Amino acid sequence: MPAWIRTGLLPLGLGGLLLGLVWPYVLGGFGSHIGSLAVGLGALLLLIGGGLGARATRREGQPPLV
């Protein structure tokens, strides 16, 4: 598996999925419990880490391989 998928794409996708699933519970009228807040925080950390990981593995000075 290429590094840009492992460190960038997977955390961004999983973080977006988790944040989308927990969003109504954190901000809605359902009542947010400690578990939904923890999942929301974890999703934000995955999104931030995935963005930083995708940026770190990007190579700007090299020509494309294909």
PDB file of N, CA and C in Angstrom:
ATOM      1  N   MET A   1       0.845  -1.166   0.000  1.00  0.00           N
ATOM      2  CA  MET A   1       0.000   0.000   0.000  1.00  0.00           C
ATOM      3  C   MET A   1       0.897   1.238   0.000  1.00  0.00           C
ATOM      4  N   PRO A   2       0.659   2.171  -0.909  1.00  0.00           N
ATOM      5  CA  PRO A   2       1.493   3.384  -0.952  1.00  0.00           C
ATOM      6  C   PRO A   2       1.356   4.212   0.324  1.00  0.00           C
ATOM      7  N   ALA A   3       2.389   4.957   0.621  1.00  0.00           N
ATOM      8  CA  ALA A   3       2.424   5.742   1.859  1.00  0.00           C
ATOM      9  C   ALA A   3       1.354   6.827   1.877  1.00  0.00           C
ATOM     10  N   TRP A   4       1.039   7.431   0.730  1.00  0.00           N
ATOM     11  CA  TRP A   4       0.055   8.508   0.721  1.00  0.00           C
ATOM     12  C   TRP A   4      -1.344   7.990   1.022  1.00  0.00           C
ATOM     13  N   ILE A   5      -1.614   6.720   0.715  1.00  0.00           N
ATOM     14  CA  ILE A   5      -2.909   6.133   1.081  1.00  0.00           C
ATOM     15  C   ILE A   5      -2.927   5.811   2.561  1.00  0.00           C
ATOM     16  N   ARG A   6      -1.860   5.204   3.044  1.00  0.00           N
ATOM     17  CA  ARG A   6      -1.787   4.771   4.429  1.00  0.00           C
ATOM     18  C   ARG A   6      -1.789   5.942   5.406  1.00  0.00           C
ATOM     19  N   THR A   7      -1.074   7.015   5.088  1.00  0.00           N
ATOM     20  CA  THR A   7      -0.955   8.121   6.033  1.00  0.00           C
ATOM     21  C   THR A   7      -1.873   9.286   5.731  1.00  0.00           C
ATOM     22  N   GLY A   8      -2.483   9.319   4.561  1.00  0.00           N
ATOM     23  CA  GLY A   8      -3.317  10.457   4.205  1.00  0.00           C
ATOM     24  C   GLY A   8      -4.763  10.110   3.915  1.00  0.00           C
ATOM     25  N   LEU A   9      -4.982   9.202   2.997  1.00  0.00           N
ATOM     26  CA  LEU A   9      -6.330   8.930   2.516  1.00  0.00           C
ATOM     27  C   LEU A   9      -7.169   8.144   3.521  1.00  0.00           C
ATOM     28  N   LEU A  10      -6.618   7.126   4.119  1.00  0.00           N
ATOM     29  CA  LEU A  10      -7.388   6.324   5.076  1.00  0.00           C
ATOM     30  C   LEU A  10      -7.809   7.114   6.320  1.00  0.00           C
ATOM     31  N   PRO A  11      -6.916   7.863   6.971  1.00  0.00           N
ATOM     32  CA  PRO A  11      -7.370   8.660   8.117  1.00  0.00           C
ATOM     33  C   PRO A  11      -8.385   9.730   7.740  1.00  0.00           C
ATOM     34  N   LEU A  12      -8.231  10.349   6.569  1.00  0.00           N
ATOM     35  CA  LEU A  12      -9.203  11.352   6.143  1.00  0.00           C
ATOM     36  C   LEU A  12     -10.576  10.723   5.911  1.00  0.00           C
ATOM     37  N   GLY A  13     -10.595   9.575   5.264  1.00  0.00           N
ATOM     38  CA  GLY A  13     -11.866   8.898   5.008  1.00  0.00           C
ATOM     39  C   GLY A  13     -12.533   8.413   6.283  1.00  0.00           C
ATOM     40  N   LEU A  14     -11.772   7.779   7.150  1.00  0.00           N
ATOM     41  CA  LEU A  14     -12.333   7.273   8.402  1.00  0.00           C
ATOM     42  C   LEU A  14     -12.756   8.408   9.325  1.00  0.00           C
ATOM     43  N   GLY A  15     -11.966   9.468   9.387  1.00  0.00           N
ATOM     44  CA  GLY A  15     -12.329  10.620  10.217  1.00  0.00           C
ATOM     45  C   GLY A  15     -13.598  11.295   9.720  1.00  0.00           C
ATOM     46  N   GLY A  16     -13.722  11.430   8.403  1.00  0.00           N
ATOM     47  CA  GLY A  16     -14.938  12.015   7.836  1.00  0.00           C
ATOM     48  C   GLY A  16     -16.157  11.157   8.090  1.00  0.00           C
ATOM     49  N   LEU A  17     -16.000   9.846   7.972  1.00  0.00           N
ATOM     50  CA  LEU A  17     -17.111   8.928   8.243  1.00  0.00           C
ATOM     51  C   LEU A  17     -17.544   9.006   9.701  1.00  0.00           C
ATOM     52  N   LEU A  18     -16.583   8.949  10.613  1.00  0.00           N
ATOM     53  CA  LEU A  18     -16.921   9.010  12.037  1.00  0.00           C
ATOM     54  C   LEU A  18     -17.539  10.346  12.417  1.00  0.00           C
ATOM     55  N   LEU A  19     -16.998  11.421  11.899  1.00  0.00           N
ATOM     56  CA  LEU A  19     -17.553  12.740  12.213  1.00  0.00           C
ATOM     57  C   LEU A  19     -18.966  12.884  11.659  1.00  0.00           C
ATOM     58  N   GLY A  20     -19.202  12.347  10.478  1.00  0.00           N
ATOM     59  CA  GLY A  20     -20.538  12.385   9.902  1.00  0.00           C
ATOM     60  C   GLY A  20     -21.541  11.568  10.703  1.00  0.00           C
ATOM     61  N   LEU A  21     -21.103  10.453  11.244  1.00  0.00           N
ATOM     62  CA  LEU A  21     -22.005   9.609  12.030  1.00  0.00           C
ATOM     63  C   LEU A  21     -22.307  10.198  13.405  1.00  0.00           C
ATOM     64  N   VAL A  22     -21.346  10.853  14.024  1.00  0.00           N
ATOM     65  CA  VAL A  22     -21.518  11.330  15.395  1.00  0.00           C
ATOM     66  C   VAL A  22     -22.002  12.783  15.447  1.00  0.00           C
ATOM     67  N   TRP A  23     -21.994  13.472  14.300  1.00  0.00           N
ATOM     68  CA  TRP A  23     -22.371  14.885  14.245  1.00  0.00           C
ATOM     69  C   TRP A  23     -23.741  15.164  14.862  1.00  0.00           C
ATOM     70  N   PRO A  24     -24.802  14.427  14.543  1.00  0.00           N
ATOM     71  CA  PRO A  24     -26.115  14.723  15.148  1.00  0.00           C
ATOM     72  C   PRO A  24     -26.137  14.536  16.660  1.00  0.00           C
ATOM     73  N   TYR A  25     -25.341  13.632  17.164  1.00  0.00           N
ATOM     74  CA  TYR A  25     -25.335  13.375  18.606  1.00  0.00           C
ATOM     75  C   TYR A  25     -24.571  14.439  19.380  1.00  0.00           C
ATOM     76  N   VAL A  26     -23.534  14.997  18.765  1.00  0.00           N
ATOM     77  CA  VAL A  26     -22.738  16.014  19.449  1.00  0.00           C
ATOM     78  C   VAL A  26     -23.439  17.370  19.427  1.00  0.00           C
ATOM     79  N   LEU A  27     -24.002  17.756  18.280  1.00  0.00           N
ATOM     80  CA  LEU A  27     -24.593  19.082  18.152  1.00  0.00           C
ATOM     81  C   LEU A  27     -26.121  19.080  18.167  1.00  0.00           C
ATOM     82  N   GLY A  28     -26.735  17.925  18.057  1.00  0.00           N
ATOM     83  CA  GLY A  28     -28.186  17.869  17.992  1.00  0.00           C
ATOM     84  C   GLY A  28     -28.836  17.820  19.362  1.00  0.00           C
ATOM     85  N   GLY A  29     -30.130  17.618  19.354  1.00  0.00           N
ATOM     86  CA  GLY A  29     -30.886  17.588  20.598  1.00  0.00           C
ATOM     87  C   GLY A  29     -30.990  16.201  21.211  1.00  0.00           C
ATOM     88  N   PHE A  30     -30.155  15.275  20.773  1.00  0.00           N
ATOM     89  CA  PHE A  30     -30.224  13.919  21.291  1.00  0.00           C
ATOM     90  C   PHE A  30     -29.539  13.773  22.645  1.00  0.00           C
ATOM     91  N   GLY A  31     -28.783  14.749  23.040  1.00  0.00           N
ATOM     92  CA  GLY A  31     -28.016  14.642  24.282  1.00  0.00           C
ATOM     93  C   GLY A  31     -26.680  13.978  24.010  1.00  0.00           C
ATOM     94  N   SER A  32     -25.619  14.709  24.204  1.00  0.00           N
ATOM     95  CA  SER A  32     -24.309  14.133  23.902  1.00  0.00           C
ATOM     96  C   SER A  32     -23.695  13.566  25.177  1.00  0.00           C
ATOM     97  N   HIS A  33     -23.337  12.336  25.105  1.00  0.00           N
ATOM     98  CA  HIS A  33     -22.696  11.650  26.215  1.00  0.00           C
ATOM     99  C   HIS A  33     -21.189  11.655  25.986  1.00  0.00           C
ATOM    100  N   ILE A  34     -20.463  11.211  26.952  1.00  0.00           N
ATOM    101  CA  ILE A  34     -18.997  11.248  26.885  1.00  0.00           C
ATOM    102  C   ILE A  34     -18.476  10.394  25.720  1.00  0.00           C
ATOM    103  N   GLY A  35     -19.176   9.337  25.387  1.00  0.00           N
ATOM    104  CA  GLY A  35     -18.733   8.484  24.275  1.00  0.00           C
ATOM    105  C   GLY A  35     -18.818   9.187  22.939  1.00  0.00           C
ATOM    106  N   SER A  36     -19.914   9.891  22.697  1.00  0.00           N
ATOM    107  CA  SER A  36     -20.044  10.586  21.409  1.00  0.00           C
ATOM    108  C   SER A  36     -19.075  11.758  21.322  1.00  0.00           C
ATOM    109  N   LEU A  37     -18.803  12.400  22.441  1.00  0.00           N
ATOM    110  CA  LEU A  37     -17.797  13.467  22.429  1.00  0.00           C
ATOM    111  C   LEU A  37     -16.407  12.908  22.162  1.00  0.00           C
ATOM    112  N   ALA A  38     -16.109  11.745  22.716  1.00  0.00           N
ATOM    113  CA  ALA A  38     -14.795  11.121  22.491  1.00  0.00           C
ATOM    114  C   ALA A  38     -14.646  10.696  21.035  1.00  0.00           C
ATOM    115  N   VAL A  39     -15.713  10.152  20.441  1.00  0.00           N
ATOM    116  CA  VAL A  39     -15.649   9.759  19.031  1.00  0.00           C
ATOM    117  C   VAL A  39     -15.499  10.997  18.147  1.00  0.00           C
ATOM    118  N   GLY A  40     -16.201  12.077  18.480  1.00  0.00           N
ATOM    119  CA  GLY A  40     -16.066  13.312  17.723  1.00  0.00           C
ATOM    120  C   GLY A  40     -14.658  13.877  17.792  1.00  0.00           C
ATOM    121  N   LEU A  41     -14.060  13.843  18.977  1.00  0.00           N
ATOM    122  CA  LEU A  41     -12.678  14.304  19.125  1.00  0.00           C
ATOM    123  C   LEU A  41     -11.711  13.411  18.359  1.00  0.00           C
ATOM    124  N   GLY A  42     -11.925  12.104  18.429  1.00  0.00           N
ATOM    125  CA  GLY A  42     -11.081  11.181  17.675  1.00  0.00           C
ATOM    126  C   GLY A  42     -11.200  11.386  16.179  1.00  0.00           C
ATOM    127  N   ALA A  43     -12.418  11.672  15.703  1.00  0.00           N
ATOM    128  CA  ALA A  43     -12.616  11.925  14.281  1.00  0.00           C
ATOM    129  C   ALA A  43     -11.888  13.193  13.850  1.00  0.00           C
ATOM    130  N   LEU A  44     -11.955  14.228  14.673  1.00  0.00           N
ATOM    131  CA  LEU A  44     -11.220  15.461  14.345  1.00  0.00           C
ATOM    132  C   LEU A  44      -9.717  15.221  14.314  1.00  0.00           C
ATOM    133  N   LEU A  45      -9.213  14.428  15.255  1.00  0.00           N
ATOM    134  CA  LEU A  45      -7.782  14.118  15.264  1.00  0.00           C
ATOM    135  C   LEU A  45      -7.380  13.312  14.027  1.00  0.00           C
ATOM    136  N   LEU A  46      -8.247  12.382  13.600  1.00  0.00           N
ATOM    137  CA  LEU A  46      -7.968  11.630  12.377  1.00  0.00           C
ATOM    138  C   LEU A  46      -7.941  12.544  11.155  1.00  0.00           C
ATOM    139  N   LEU A  47      -8.870  13.491  11.087  1.00  0.00           N
ATOM    140  CA  LEU A  47      -8.889  14.412   9.959  1.00  0.00           C
ATOM    141  C   LEU A  47      -7.648  15.300   9.935  1.00  0.00           C
ATOM    142  N   ILE A  48      -7.250  15.800  11.088  1.00  0.00           N
ATOM    143  CA  ILE A  48      -6.050  16.644  11.154  1.00  0.00           C
ATOM    144  C   ILE A  48      -4.807  15.831  10.820  1.00  0.00           C
ATOM    145  N   GLY A  49      -4.688  14.660  11.407  1.00  0.00           N
ATOM    146  CA  GLY A  49      -3.530  13.807  11.131  1.00  0.00           C
ATOM    147  C   GLY A  49      -3.477  13.338   9.691  1.00  0.00           C
ATOM    148  N   GLY A  50      -4.625  13.028   9.116  1.00  0.00           N
ATOM    149  CA  GLY A  50      -4.660  12.619   7.716  1.00  0.00           C
ATOM    150  C   GLY A  50      -4.263  13.751   6.784  1.00  0.00           C
ATOM    151  N   GLY A  51      -4.706  14.957   7.094  1.00  0.00           N
ATOM    152  CA  GLY A  51      -4.308  16.104   6.285  1.00  0.00           C
ATOM    153  C   GLY A  51      -2.821  16.376   6.368  1.00  0.00           C
ATOM    154  N   LEU A  52      -2.282  16.284   7.568  1.00  0.00           N
ATOM    155  CA  LEU A  52      -0.837  16.483   7.732  1.00  0.00           C
ATOM    156  C   LEU A  52      -0.046  15.360   7.081  1.00  0.00           C
ATOM    157  N   GLY A  53      -0.547  14.137   7.179  1.00  0.00           N
ATOM    158  CA  GLY A  53       0.143  13.002   6.563  1.00  0.00           C
ATOM    159  C   GLY A  53       0.124  13.072   5.053  1.00  0.00           C
ATOM    160  N   ALA A  54      -0.993  13.497   4.479  1.00  0.00           N
ATOM    161  CA  ALA A  54      -1.064  13.631   3.024  1.00  0.00           C
ATOM    162  C   ALA A  54      -0.151  14.745   2.539  1.00  0.00           C
ATOM    163  N   ARG A  55      -0.060  15.799   3.312  1.00  0.00           N
ATOM    164  CA  ARG A  55       0.813  16.908   2.929  1.00  0.00           C
ATOM    165  C   ARG A  55       2.288  16.515   3.042  1.00  0.00           C
ATOM    166  N   ALA A  56       2.626  15.716   4.033  1.00  0.00           N
ATOM    167  CA  ALA A  56       4.027  15.335   4.242  1.00  0.00           C
ATOM    168  C   ALA A  56       4.518  14.362   3.178  1.00  0.00           C
ATOM    169  N   THR A  57       3.650  13.517   2.646  1.00  0.00           N
ATOM    170  CA  THR A  57       4.088  12.525   1.662  1.00  0.00           C
ATOM    171  C   THR A  57       4.010  13.041   0.234  1.00  0.00           C
ATOM    172  N   ARG A  58       3.522  14.266   0.042  1.00  0.00           N
ATOM    173  CA  ARG A  58       3.443  14.844  -1.293  1.00  0.00           C
ATOM    174  C   ARG A  58       4.829  15.310  -1.725  1.00  0.00           C
ATOM    175  N   ARG A  59       5.197  15.001  -2.941  1.00  0.00           N
ATOM    176  CA  ARG A  59       6.496  15.392  -3.465  1.00  0.00           C
ATOM    177  C   ARG A  59       6.275  16.446  -4.542  1.00  0.00           C
ATOM    178  N   GLU A  60       6.693  17.675  -4.282  1.00  0.00           N
ATOM    179  CA  GLU A  60       6.399  18.767  -5.192  1.00  0.00           C
ATOM    180  C   GLU A  60       7.412  18.918  -6.316  1.00  0.00           C
ATOM    181  N   GLY A  61       8.666  18.615  -6.090  1.00  0.00           N
ATOM    182  CA  GLY A  61       9.693  18.887  -7.094  1.00  0.00           C
ATOM    183  C   GLY A  61       9.894  17.789  -8.103  1.00  0.00           C
ATOM    184  N   GLN A  62       9.281  16.644  -7.946  1.00  0.00           N
ATOM    185  CA  GLN A  62       9.535  15.516  -8.831  1.00  0.00           C
ATOM    186  C   GLN A  62       8.494  15.457  -9.952  1.00  0.00           C
ATOM    187  N   PRO A  63       8.905  15.035 -11.143  1.00  0.00           N
ATOM    188  CA  PRO A  63       7.933  14.875 -12.226  1.00  0.00           C
ATOM    189  C   PRO A  63       7.033  13.665 -11.945  1.00  0.00           C
ATOM    190  N   PRO A  64       5.839  13.626 -12.523  1.00  0.00           N
ATOM    191  CA  PRO A  64       4.958  12.478 -12.308  1.00  0.00           C
ATOM    192  C   PRO A  64       5.548  11.204 -12.910  1.00  0.00           C
ATOM    193  N   LEU A  65       5.226  10.083 -12.323  1.00  0.00           N
ATOM    194  CA  LEU A  65       5.766   8.811 -12.761  1.00  0.00           C
ATOM    195  C   LEU A  65       5.085   8.314 -14.031  1.00  0.00           C
ATOM    196  N   VAL A  66       3.883   8.732 -14.262  1.00  0.00           N
ATOM    197  CA  VAL A  66       3.131   8.229 -15.427  1.00  0.00           C
ATOM    198  C   VAL A  66       3.072   9.283 -16.491  1.00  0.00           C
TER     199      VAL A  66
END
